Amino acid sequence: MRLLILSVMIALSLASCGRYGPPSPPGPAADITYPRTYPAP
C-alpha cells in the first residue's frame, strides 16, 4: 500500500511540472522573428 501511495505521489508531482498552454518564445511579440512563412520555390 505504501508503494502505491508513493508511486502516485511521484507521478502527480512529475505531471505538474509542465507549463499550461502552447510553448511560446520569450520576449515581446514584436521582437519574435520565427515562425515565418517561407516563399514557395
C-alpha atoms as a PDB file:
ATOM      1  CA  MET A   1       0.000   0.000   0.000  1.00  0.00           C
ATOM      2  CA  ARG A   2       2.862   2.378   0.782  1.00  0.00           C
ATOM      3  CA  LEU A   3       4.413   1.676  -2.596  1.00  0.00           C
ATOM      4  CA  LEU A   4       1.153   2.541  -4.344  1.00  0.00           C
ATOM      5  CA  ILE A   5       0.793   5.818  -2.477  1.00  0.00           C
ATOM      6  CA  LEU A   6       4.415   6.701  -3.099  1.00  0.00           C
ATOM      7  CA  SER A   7       4.184   5.973  -6.812  1.00  0.00           C
ATOM      8  CA  VAL A   8       1.002   8.050  -7.144  1.00  0.00           C
ATOM      9  CA  MET A   9       2.647  10.961  -5.324  1.00  0.00           C
ATOM     10  CA  ILE A  10       5.689  10.799  -7.591  1.00  0.00           C
ATOM     11  CA  ALA A  11       3.544  10.591 -10.723  1.00  0.00           C
ATOM     12  CA  LEU A  12       1.450  13.593  -9.675  1.00  0.00           C
ATOM     13  CA  SER A  13       4.481  15.667  -8.800  1.00  0.00           C
ATOM     14  CA  LEU A  14       6.094  14.927 -12.179  1.00  0.00           C
ATOM     15  CA  ALA A  15       2.873  15.570 -14.070  1.00  0.00           C
ATOM     16  CA  SER A  16       2.521  19.024 -12.562  1.00  0.00           C
ATOM     17  CA  CYS A  17       5.925  20.226 -13.766  1.00  0.00           C
ATOM     18  CA  GLY A  18       4.738  21.253 -17.230  1.00  0.00           C
ATOM     19  CA  ARG A  19       3.562  24.694 -18.189  1.00  0.00           C
ATOM     20  CA  TYR A  20      -0.028  25.309 -19.202  1.00  0.00           C
ATOM     21  CA  GLY A  21      -0.694  26.218 -22.800  1.00  0.00           C
ATOM     22  CA  PRO A  22       1.306  26.011 -26.011  1.00  0.00           C
ATOM     23  CA  PRO A  23       5.021  26.836 -25.957  1.00  0.00           C
ATOM     24  CA  SER A  24       5.901  30.421 -26.748  1.00  0.00           C
ATOM     25  CA  PRO A  25       9.289  32.094 -27.164  1.00  0.00           C
ATOM     26  CA  PRO A  26      10.377  34.583 -24.506  1.00  0.00           C
ATOM     27  CA  GLY A  27      10.293  38.302 -25.130  1.00  0.00           C
ATOM     28  CA  PRO A  28       7.827  40.771 -26.573  1.00  0.00           C
ATOM     29  CA  ALA A  29       5.772  39.703 -29.575  1.00  0.00           C
ATOM     30  CA  ALA A  30       7.272  42.454 -31.776  1.00  0.00           C
ATOM     31  CA  ASP A  31      10.782  41.001 -31.394  1.00  0.00           C
ATOM     32  CA  ILE A  32       9.881  37.405 -32.287  1.00  0.00           C
ATOM     33  CA  THR A  33      11.269  36.523 -35.719  1.00  0.00           C
ATOM     34  CA  TYR A  34      10.038  32.948 -36.118  1.00  0.00           C
ATOM     35  CA  PRO A  35       7.747  31.286 -37.169  1.00  0.00           C
ATOM     36  CA  ARG A  36       7.796  32.948 -40.551  1.00  0.00           C
ATOM     37  CA  THR A  37       6.193  31.894 -43.774  1.00  0.00           C
ATOM     38  CA  TYR A  38       8.720  30.827 -46.344  1.00  0.00           C
ATOM     39  CA  PRO A  39       8.311  31.700 -50.038  1.00  0.00           C
ATOM     40  CA  ALA A  40       7.229  28.909 -52.319  1.00  0.00           C
ATOM     41  CA  PRO A  41      10.013  27.677 -54.632  1.00  0.00           C
END
